């Protein structure tokens, strides 16, 4: 099996994005979790083509926003840690996930995708149901995690 760096999945997305018939890689793209970065971002090794793995790809879960680890207040930082720990339990390193609707993110160095796995199903739905994420599609103001009431 050939292993390529992060640029491999980005090149694949760019290739499909320049095609007149596709703006995304619909998937599913099989991937193995390397680590959970935070509540809405995971690093994976993705099987982009037969016998070719893109190693160390950062994937932001599409459609949600979670608290930031470098948040504006202690409450946000604690919620961010809870989100990360929850996702790390459900999507542990070495577990398999599927990426769908993979496309370039707005920040260099990562892609956006729908992420699901055997243990927890749809990542976005699972963490939102736990109250550790809100719906977000890249426009408008993000949630003010410092102003929410916690128990």
N, C-alpha and C. Protein backbone atom coordinates (compact mmCIF):
# COMPACT_ATOMS: atom_id res chain seq x y z
N UNK A 1 0.85 -1.18 0.00
CA UNK A 1 0.00 0.00 0.00
C UNK A 1 0.89 1.24 0.00
N UNK A 2 0.56 2.17 -0.81
CA UNK A 2 1.32 3.41 -0.92
C UNK A 2 0.73 4.44 0.04
N UNK A 3 1.59 5.09 0.81
CA UNK A 3 1.14 6.13 1.74
C UNK A 3 1.68 7.46 1.27
N UNK A 4 0.76 8.42 1.17
CA UNK A 4 1.16 9.76 0.78
C UNK A 4 0.79 10.72 1.91
N UNK A 5 1.37 11.89 1.91
CA UNK A 5 1.11 12.86 2.97
C UNK A 5 -0.22 13.56 2.81
N UNK A 6 -0.43 14.57 3.63
CA UNK A 6 -1.68 15.33 3.65
C UNK A 6 -2.07 15.84 2.28
N UNK A 7 -1.10 16.17 1.50
CA UNK A 7 -1.38 16.78 0.21
C UNK A 7 -2.20 15.85 -0.69
N UNK A 8 -2.15 14.56 -0.45
CA UNK A 8 -2.87 13.60 -1.28
C UNK A 8 -4.37 13.81 -1.31
N UNK A 9 -4.99 13.93 -0.14
CA UNK A 9 -6.44 14.13 -0.11
C UNK A 9 -6.79 15.51 -0.65
N UNK A 10 -5.96 16.51 -0.35
CA UNK A 10 -6.22 17.84 -0.87
C UNK A 10 -6.12 17.84 -2.39
N UNK A 11 -5.16 17.10 -2.92
CA UNK A 11 -5.02 17.01 -4.38
C UNK A 11 -6.23 16.32 -4.98
N UNK A 12 -6.72 15.28 -4.31
CA UNK A 12 -7.91 14.58 -4.80
C UNK A 12 -9.11 15.51 -4.80
N UNK A 13 -9.30 16.25 -3.72
CA UNK A 13 -10.42 17.19 -3.65
C UNK A 13 -10.27 18.26 -4.72
N UNK A 14 -9.06 18.78 -4.89
CA UNK A 14 -8.83 19.82 -5.90
C UNK A 14 -9.10 19.27 -7.30
N UNK A 15 -8.70 18.04 -7.54
CA UNK A 15 -8.94 17.42 -8.84
C UNK A 15 -10.43 17.35 -9.13
N UNK A 16 -11.20 16.86 -8.16
CA UNK A 16 -12.63 16.75 -8.37
C UNK A 16 -13.31 18.12 -8.39
N UNK A 17 -12.80 19.06 -7.60
CA UNK A 17 -13.40 20.39 -7.56
C UNK A 17 -13.23 21.13 -8.89
N UNK A 18 -12.16 20.82 -9.62
CA UNK A 18 -11.97 21.49 -10.90
C UNK A 18 -12.76 20.82 -12.01
N UNK A 19 -13.29 19.66 -11.73
CA UNK A 19 -14.13 18.96 -12.71
C UNK A 19 -15.46 19.69 -12.83
N UNK A 20 -16.00 19.69 -14.03
CA UNK A 20 -17.29 20.36 -14.23
C UNK A 20 -18.44 19.55 -13.65
N UNK A 21 -18.21 18.28 -13.30
CA UNK A 21 -19.30 17.44 -12.82
C UNK A 21 -19.33 17.28 -11.30
N UNK A 22 -18.28 17.68 -10.59
CA UNK A 22 -18.27 17.44 -9.14
C UNK A 22 -17.53 18.54 -8.41
N UNK A 23 -18.06 18.95 -7.28
CA UNK A 23 -17.41 19.91 -6.41
C UNK A 23 -16.90 19.25 -5.14
N UNK A 24 -17.29 18.01 -4.91
CA UNK A 24 -16.89 17.27 -3.72
C UNK A 24 -16.58 15.83 -4.09
N UNK A 25 -15.90 15.16 -3.19
CA UNK A 25 -15.78 13.71 -3.27
C UNK A 25 -16.94 13.19 -2.45
N UNK A 26 -17.93 12.62 -3.10
CA UNK A 26 -19.15 12.16 -2.42
C UNK A 26 -18.86 11.09 -1.39
N UNK A 27 -17.93 10.20 -1.68
CA UNK A 27 -17.61 9.13 -0.76
C UNK A 27 -18.55 7.96 -0.89
N UNK A 28 -18.48 7.04 0.01
CA UNK A 28 -17.69 7.14 1.24
C UNK A 28 -16.20 6.94 0.99
N UNK A 29 -15.41 7.66 1.79
CA UNK A 29 -13.97 7.48 1.83
C UNK A 29 -13.67 6.81 3.16
N UNK A 30 -13.08 5.64 3.13
CA UNK A 30 -12.72 4.94 4.36
C UNK A 30 -11.51 5.60 4.99
N UNK A 31 -11.55 5.76 6.31
CA UNK A 31 -10.44 6.40 7.00
C UNK A 31 -10.25 5.77 8.38
N UNK A 32 -9.06 5.91 8.91
CA UNK A 32 -8.73 5.45 10.25
C UNK A 32 -8.38 6.67 11.09
N UNK A 33 -8.98 6.78 12.27
CA UNK A 33 -8.72 7.91 13.15
C UNK A 33 -7.29 7.82 13.68
N UNK A 34 -6.56 8.91 13.53
CA UNK A 34 -5.22 9.04 14.12
C UNK A 34 -5.36 9.68 15.50
N UNK A 35 -6.14 10.78 15.54
CA UNK A 35 -6.40 11.45 16.82
C UNK A 35 -7.55 12.41 16.66
N UNK A 36 -8.21 12.68 17.77
CA UNK A 36 -9.24 13.71 17.82
C UNK A 36 -8.54 15.00 18.22
N UNK A 37 -8.66 16.02 17.41
CA UNK A 37 -8.00 17.30 17.68
C UNK A 37 -8.86 18.12 18.63
N UNK A 38 -10.15 18.20 18.33
CA UNK A 38 -11.11 18.86 19.21
C UNK A 38 -12.49 18.31 18.87
N UNK A 39 -13.53 18.94 19.38
CA UNK A 39 -14.87 18.41 19.20
C UNK A 39 -15.36 18.38 17.77
N UNK A 40 -14.77 19.19 16.90
CA UNK A 40 -15.22 19.19 15.50
C UNK A 40 -14.12 18.96 14.48
N UNK A 41 -12.97 18.47 14.93
CA UNK A 41 -11.87 18.21 14.01
C UNK A 41 -11.15 16.92 14.40
N UNK A 42 -10.85 16.11 13.40
CA UNK A 42 -10.18 14.84 13.61
C UNK A 42 -9.06 14.70 12.58
N UNK A 43 -8.01 14.02 12.97
CA UNK A 43 -6.94 13.70 12.02
C UNK A 43 -7.10 12.24 11.63
N UNK A 44 -7.04 11.97 10.33
CA UNK A 44 -7.24 10.61 9.83
C UNK A 44 -6.18 10.23 8.81
N UNK A 45 -6.08 8.93 8.60
CA UNK A 45 -5.40 8.38 7.44
C UNK A 45 -6.52 7.91 6.53
N UNK A 46 -6.64 8.50 5.35
CA UNK A 46 -7.78 8.25 4.46
C UNK A 46 -7.38 7.42 3.25
N UNK A 47 -8.20 6.43 2.95
CA UNK A 47 -8.00 5.57 1.78
C UNK A 47 -8.63 6.29 0.58
N UNK A 48 -7.82 7.10 -0.13
CA UNK A 48 -8.39 7.92 -1.18
C UNK A 48 -8.57 7.19 -2.50
N UNK A 49 -7.73 6.24 -2.78
CA UNK A 49 -7.85 5.40 -3.97
C UNK A 49 -7.37 4.02 -3.57
N UNK A 50 -7.69 2.99 -4.33
CA UNK A 50 -7.19 1.66 -3.97
C UNK A 50 -5.67 1.67 -3.80
N UNK A 51 -5.22 1.15 -2.69
CA UNK A 51 -3.80 1.04 -2.35
C UNK A 51 -3.11 2.38 -2.12
N UNK A 52 -3.85 3.47 -1.98
CA UNK A 52 -3.24 4.77 -1.70
C UNK A 52 -3.91 5.39 -0.48
N UNK A 53 -3.10 5.70 0.53
CA UNK A 53 -3.59 6.28 1.77
C UNK A 53 -3.01 7.68 1.94
N UNK A 54 -3.87 8.66 2.18
CA UNK A 54 -3.42 10.02 2.52
C UNK A 54 -3.25 10.04 4.03
N UNK A 55 -2.05 10.25 4.49
CA UNK A 55 -1.72 10.15 5.91
C UNK A 55 -1.78 11.50 6.61
N UNK A 56 -2.38 11.53 7.82
CA UNK A 56 -2.39 12.73 8.65
C UNK A 56 -3.25 13.86 8.13
N UNK A 57 -4.41 13.53 7.55
CA UNK A 57 -5.30 14.54 7.00
C UNK A 57 -6.19 15.10 8.10
N UNK A 58 -6.25 16.40 8.23
CA UNK A 58 -7.12 17.07 9.20
C UNK A 58 -8.49 17.28 8.56
N UNK A 59 -9.54 16.77 9.24
CA UNK A 59 -10.90 16.84 8.72
C UNK A 59 -11.77 17.58 9.72
N UNK A 60 -12.39 18.67 9.29
CA UNK A 60 -13.35 19.38 10.13
C UNK A 60 -14.73 18.82 9.82
N UNK A 61 -15.45 18.48 10.87
CA UNK A 61 -16.79 17.93 10.71
C UNK A 61 -17.70 19.03 10.20
N UNK A 62 -18.35 18.76 9.08
CA UNK A 62 -19.19 19.77 8.44
C UNK A 62 -20.49 19.98 9.21
N UNK A 63 -20.94 21.22 9.26
CA UNK A 63 -22.27 21.55 9.79
C UNK A 63 -22.36 21.84 11.26
N UNK A 64 -21.24 21.81 11.99
CA UNK A 64 -21.30 22.09 13.43
C UNK A 64 -20.16 23.01 13.86
N UNK A 65 -20.35 23.57 15.05
CA UNK A 65 -19.31 24.34 15.71
C UNK A 65 -19.28 23.88 17.16
N UNK A 66 -18.10 23.60 17.66
CA UNK A 66 -17.94 23.23 19.06
C UNK A 66 -17.12 24.31 19.77
N UNK A 67 -17.15 24.31 21.10
CA UNK A 67 -16.35 25.29 21.83
C UNK A 67 -14.87 25.17 21.49
N UNK A 68 -14.16 26.27 21.60
CA UNK A 68 -12.74 26.30 21.26
C UNK A 68 -11.89 26.03 22.49
N UNK A 69 -10.83 25.22 22.30
CA UNK A 69 -9.91 24.93 23.41
C UNK A 69 -9.19 26.18 23.90
N UNK A 70 -9.04 27.15 23.04
CA UNK A 70 -8.44 28.44 23.42
C UNK A 70 -9.53 29.50 23.49
N UNK A 71 -10.63 29.12 24.11
CA UNK A 71 -11.83 29.95 24.15
C UNK A 71 -11.67 31.23 24.94
N UNK A 72 -12.74 32.03 24.91
CA UNK A 72 -12.77 33.36 25.52
C UNK A 72 -12.89 33.31 27.04
N UNK A 73 -13.37 32.20 27.59
CA UNK A 73 -13.56 32.11 29.04
C UNK A 73 -13.29 30.68 29.49
N UNK A 74 -13.19 30.50 30.80
CA UNK A 74 -12.92 29.17 31.35
C UNK A 74 -14.04 28.20 31.01
N UNK A 75 -15.27 28.65 31.04
CA UNK A 75 -16.40 27.77 30.71
C UNK A 75 -16.27 27.21 29.30
N UNK A 76 -15.94 28.07 28.34
CA UNK A 76 -15.78 27.59 26.96
C UNK A 76 -14.64 26.57 26.87
N UNK A 77 -13.54 26.84 27.55
CA UNK A 77 -12.41 25.91 27.51
C UNK A 77 -12.79 24.56 28.14
N UNK A 78 -13.56 24.58 29.21
CA UNK A 78 -14.02 23.33 29.83
C UNK A 78 -14.98 22.57 28.92
N UNK A 79 -15.90 23.29 28.29
CA UNK A 79 -16.82 22.65 27.35
C UNK A 79 -16.06 22.05 26.16
N UNK A 80 -15.03 22.75 25.71
CA UNK A 80 -14.21 22.26 24.61
C UNK A 80 -13.51 20.96 25.00
N UNK A 81 -13.01 20.91 26.21
CA UNK A 81 -12.35 19.69 26.68
C UNK A 81 -13.35 18.54 26.78
N UNK A 82 -14.56 18.84 27.25
CA UNK A 82 -15.61 17.81 27.32
C UNK A 82 -15.96 17.29 25.93
N UNK A 83 -16.06 18.19 24.96
CA UNK A 83 -16.37 17.79 23.58
C UNK A 83 -15.26 16.91 23.02
N UNK A 84 -14.03 17.30 23.25
CA UNK A 84 -12.90 16.52 22.75
C UNK A 84 -12.87 15.13 23.39
N UNK A 85 -13.06 15.06 24.70
CA UNK A 85 -13.04 13.77 25.39
C UNK A 85 -14.18 12.86 24.94
N UNK A 86 -15.36 13.43 24.75
CA UNK A 86 -16.50 12.64 24.28
C UNK A 86 -16.19 12.03 22.91
N UNK A 87 -15.68 12.84 22.02
CA UNK A 87 -15.39 12.36 20.68
C UNK A 87 -14.23 11.37 20.69
N UNK A 88 -13.24 11.59 21.56
CA UNK A 88 -12.12 10.67 21.64
C UNK A 88 -12.57 9.30 22.16
N UNK A 89 -13.57 9.27 23.03
CA UNK A 89 -14.11 8.00 23.51
C UNK A 89 -14.85 7.27 22.39
N UNK A 90 -15.60 8.00 21.59
CA UNK A 90 -16.42 7.39 20.54
C UNK A 90 -15.65 7.12 19.26
N UNK A 91 -14.64 7.93 18.99
CA UNK A 91 -13.84 7.81 17.77
C UNK A 91 -12.37 7.68 18.18
N UNK A 92 -12.06 6.62 18.89
CA UNK A 92 -10.72 6.41 19.42
C UNK A 92 -9.70 6.20 18.31
N UNK A 93 -8.44 6.53 18.56
CA UNK A 93 -7.40 6.26 17.57
C UNK A 93 -7.45 4.80 17.14
N UNK A 94 -7.36 4.59 15.83
CA UNK A 94 -7.42 3.25 15.28
C UNK A 94 -8.81 2.84 14.83
N UNK A 95 -9.84 3.60 15.25
CA UNK A 95 -11.19 3.24 14.83
C UNK A 95 -11.42 3.70 13.39
N UNK A 96 -12.36 3.03 12.75
CA UNK A 96 -12.65 3.32 11.35
C UNK A 96 -13.83 4.29 11.26
N UNK A 97 -13.70 5.23 10.34
CA UNK A 97 -14.78 6.19 10.06
C UNK A 97 -14.96 6.27 8.55
N UNK A 98 -16.10 6.83 8.18
CA UNK A 98 -16.36 7.11 6.77
C UNK A 98 -16.50 8.61 6.60
N UNK A 99 -15.90 9.11 5.56
CA UNK A 99 -16.00 10.52 5.20
C UNK A 99 -16.89 10.61 3.97
N UNK A 100 -17.83 11.53 4.01
CA UNK A 100 -18.71 11.76 2.85
C UNK A 100 -18.73 13.26 2.56
N UNK A 101 -19.00 13.59 1.32
CA UNK A 101 -19.09 14.99 0.90
C UNK A 101 -17.83 15.77 1.29
N UNK A 102 -16.68 15.22 0.95
CA UNK A 102 -15.38 15.81 1.28
C UNK A 102 -15.09 16.96 0.32
N UNK A 103 -14.72 18.10 0.90
CA UNK A 103 -14.38 19.25 0.07
C UNK A 103 -13.36 20.12 0.81
N UNK A 104 -12.75 21.03 0.08
CA UNK A 104 -11.78 21.92 0.70
C UNK A 104 -12.44 22.79 1.75
N UNK A 105 -11.77 22.97 2.87
CA UNK A 105 -12.23 23.88 3.91
C UNK A 105 -11.78 25.29 3.61
N UNK A 106 -12.23 26.24 4.44
CA UNK A 106 -11.82 27.63 4.19
C UNK A 106 -10.42 27.92 4.69
N UNK A 107 -9.90 27.04 5.53
CA UNK A 107 -8.53 27.20 6.01
C UNK A 107 -7.65 26.16 5.34
N UNK A 108 -6.47 26.59 4.94
CA UNK A 108 -5.52 25.66 4.32
C UNK A 108 -5.14 24.57 5.32
N UNK A 109 -4.95 23.40 4.80
CA UNK A 109 -4.47 22.33 5.65
C UNK A 109 -5.54 21.41 6.19
N UNK A 110 -6.81 21.62 5.83
CA UNK A 110 -7.85 20.69 6.26
C UNK A 110 -9.00 20.69 5.26
N UNK A 111 -9.78 19.62 5.34
CA UNK A 111 -10.95 19.48 4.50
C UNK A 111 -12.18 19.45 5.39
N UNK A 112 -13.34 19.68 4.79
CA UNK A 112 -14.64 19.55 5.46
C UNK A 112 -15.27 18.25 4.99
N UNK A 113 -15.97 17.56 5.90
CA UNK A 113 -16.64 16.33 5.51
C UNK A 113 -17.69 15.94 6.55
N UNK A 114 -18.64 15.13 6.13
CA UNK A 114 -19.53 14.45 7.06
C UNK A 114 -18.75 13.24 7.55
N UNK A 115 -18.73 13.03 8.87
CA UNK A 115 -17.93 11.96 9.46
C UNK A 115 -18.85 11.05 10.26
N UNK A 116 -18.76 9.75 10.00
CA UNK A 116 -19.54 8.79 10.77
C UNK A 116 -18.69 7.57 11.08
N UNK A 117 -19.09 6.87 12.16
CA UNK A 117 -18.37 5.68 12.56
C UNK A 117 -19.30 4.65 13.16
N UNK A 118 -18.80 3.44 13.32
CA UNK A 118 -19.62 2.34 13.82
C UNK A 118 -20.15 2.57 15.23
N UNK A 119 -19.31 3.11 16.13
CA UNK A 119 -19.70 3.23 17.53
C UNK A 119 -20.68 4.36 17.80
N UNK A 120 -20.56 5.45 17.08
CA UNK A 120 -21.35 6.63 17.42
C UNK A 120 -22.22 7.15 16.30
N UNK A 121 -22.20 6.51 15.16
CA UNK A 121 -23.00 7.01 14.05
C UNK A 121 -22.46 8.32 13.53
N UNK A 122 -23.35 9.24 13.26
CA UNK A 122 -23.00 10.54 12.70
C UNK A 122 -22.40 11.43 13.77
N UNK A 123 -21.15 11.87 13.54
CA UNK A 123 -20.42 12.67 14.53
C UNK A 123 -21.17 13.94 14.88
N UNK A 124 -21.61 14.69 13.89
CA UNK A 124 -22.28 15.98 14.12
C UNK A 124 -23.55 15.79 14.95
N UNK A 125 -24.35 14.81 14.60
CA UNK A 125 -25.61 14.57 15.31
C UNK A 125 -25.34 14.14 16.76
N UNK A 126 -24.35 13.29 16.97
CA UNK A 126 -24.03 12.78 18.30
C UNK A 126 -23.59 13.89 19.25
N UNK A 127 -22.67 14.73 18.81
CA UNK A 127 -22.14 15.76 19.70
C UNK A 127 -23.14 16.91 19.88
N UNK A 128 -23.96 17.18 18.87
CA UNK A 128 -24.99 18.21 19.01
C UNK A 128 -26.05 17.75 20.02
N UNK A 129 -26.43 16.48 19.96
CA UNK A 129 -27.41 15.94 20.91
C UNK A 129 -26.90 16.02 22.35
N UNK A 130 -25.60 15.97 22.52
CA UNK A 130 -25.01 16.06 23.86
C UNK A 130 -24.90 17.51 24.35
N UNK A 131 -25.27 18.47 23.51
CA UNK A 131 -25.21 19.88 23.89
C UNK A 131 -23.82 20.48 23.79
N UNK A 132 -22.91 19.80 23.10
CA UNK A 132 -21.54 20.28 22.99
C UNK A 132 -21.20 20.81 21.61
N UNK A 133 -22.24 21.00 20.79
CA UNK A 133 -22.06 21.58 19.46
C UNK A 133 -23.36 22.25 19.06
N UNK A 134 -23.23 23.20 18.15
CA UNK A 134 -24.39 23.86 17.55
C UNK A 134 -24.23 23.80 16.04
N UNK A 135 -25.35 23.89 15.35
CA UNK A 135 -25.32 23.89 13.90
C UNK A 135 -24.58 25.15 13.43
N UNK A 136 -23.71 24.97 12.46
CA UNK A 136 -22.95 26.09 11.92
C UNK A 136 -22.47 25.71 10.52
N UNK A 137 -22.65 26.62 9.57
CA UNK A 137 -22.28 26.35 8.19
C UNK A 137 -21.31 27.39 7.64
N UNK A 138 -20.48 27.94 8.51
CA UNK A 138 -19.42 28.83 8.06
C UNK A 138 -19.80 30.27 7.84
N UNK A 139 -21.05 30.62 8.10
CA UNK A 139 -21.48 32.00 7.89
C UNK A 139 -22.18 32.49 9.15
N UNK A 140 -22.09 33.77 9.39
CA UNK A 140 -22.73 34.34 10.56
C UNK A 140 -21.85 34.21 11.79
N UNK A 141 -22.39 34.65 12.89
CA UNK A 141 -21.64 34.61 14.13
C UNK A 141 -21.65 33.22 14.74
N UNK A 142 -20.55 32.88 15.35
CA UNK A 142 -20.46 31.61 16.05
C UNK A 142 -21.15 31.73 17.40
N UNK A 143 -21.41 30.61 18.00
CA UNK A 143 -22.07 30.55 19.31
C UNK A 143 -21.21 31.20 20.39
N UNK A 144 -21.84 31.89 21.32
CA UNK A 144 -21.13 32.46 22.46
C UNK A 144 -21.20 31.45 23.60
N UNK A 145 -20.19 30.59 23.68
CA UNK A 145 -20.16 29.53 24.68
C UNK A 145 -19.99 30.06 26.09
N UNK A 146 -19.55 31.31 26.24
CA UNK A 146 -19.36 31.89 27.57
C UNK A 146 -20.67 32.36 28.19
N UNK A 147 -21.70 32.54 27.38
CA UNK A 147 -22.95 33.08 27.90
C UNK A 147 -24.02 32.02 28.17
N UNK A 148 -23.75 30.75 27.84
CA UNK A 148 -24.75 29.73 28.08
C UNK A 148 -24.75 29.30 29.53
N UNK A 149 -25.90 28.86 30.00
CA UNK A 149 -26.04 28.37 31.37
C UNK A 149 -25.70 26.89 31.40
N UNK A 150 -24.86 26.50 32.34
CA UNK A 150 -24.55 25.08 32.53
C UNK A 150 -25.03 24.66 33.90
N UNK A 151 -25.26 23.36 34.05
CA UNK A 151 -25.74 22.84 35.34
C UNK A 151 -24.62 22.68 36.32
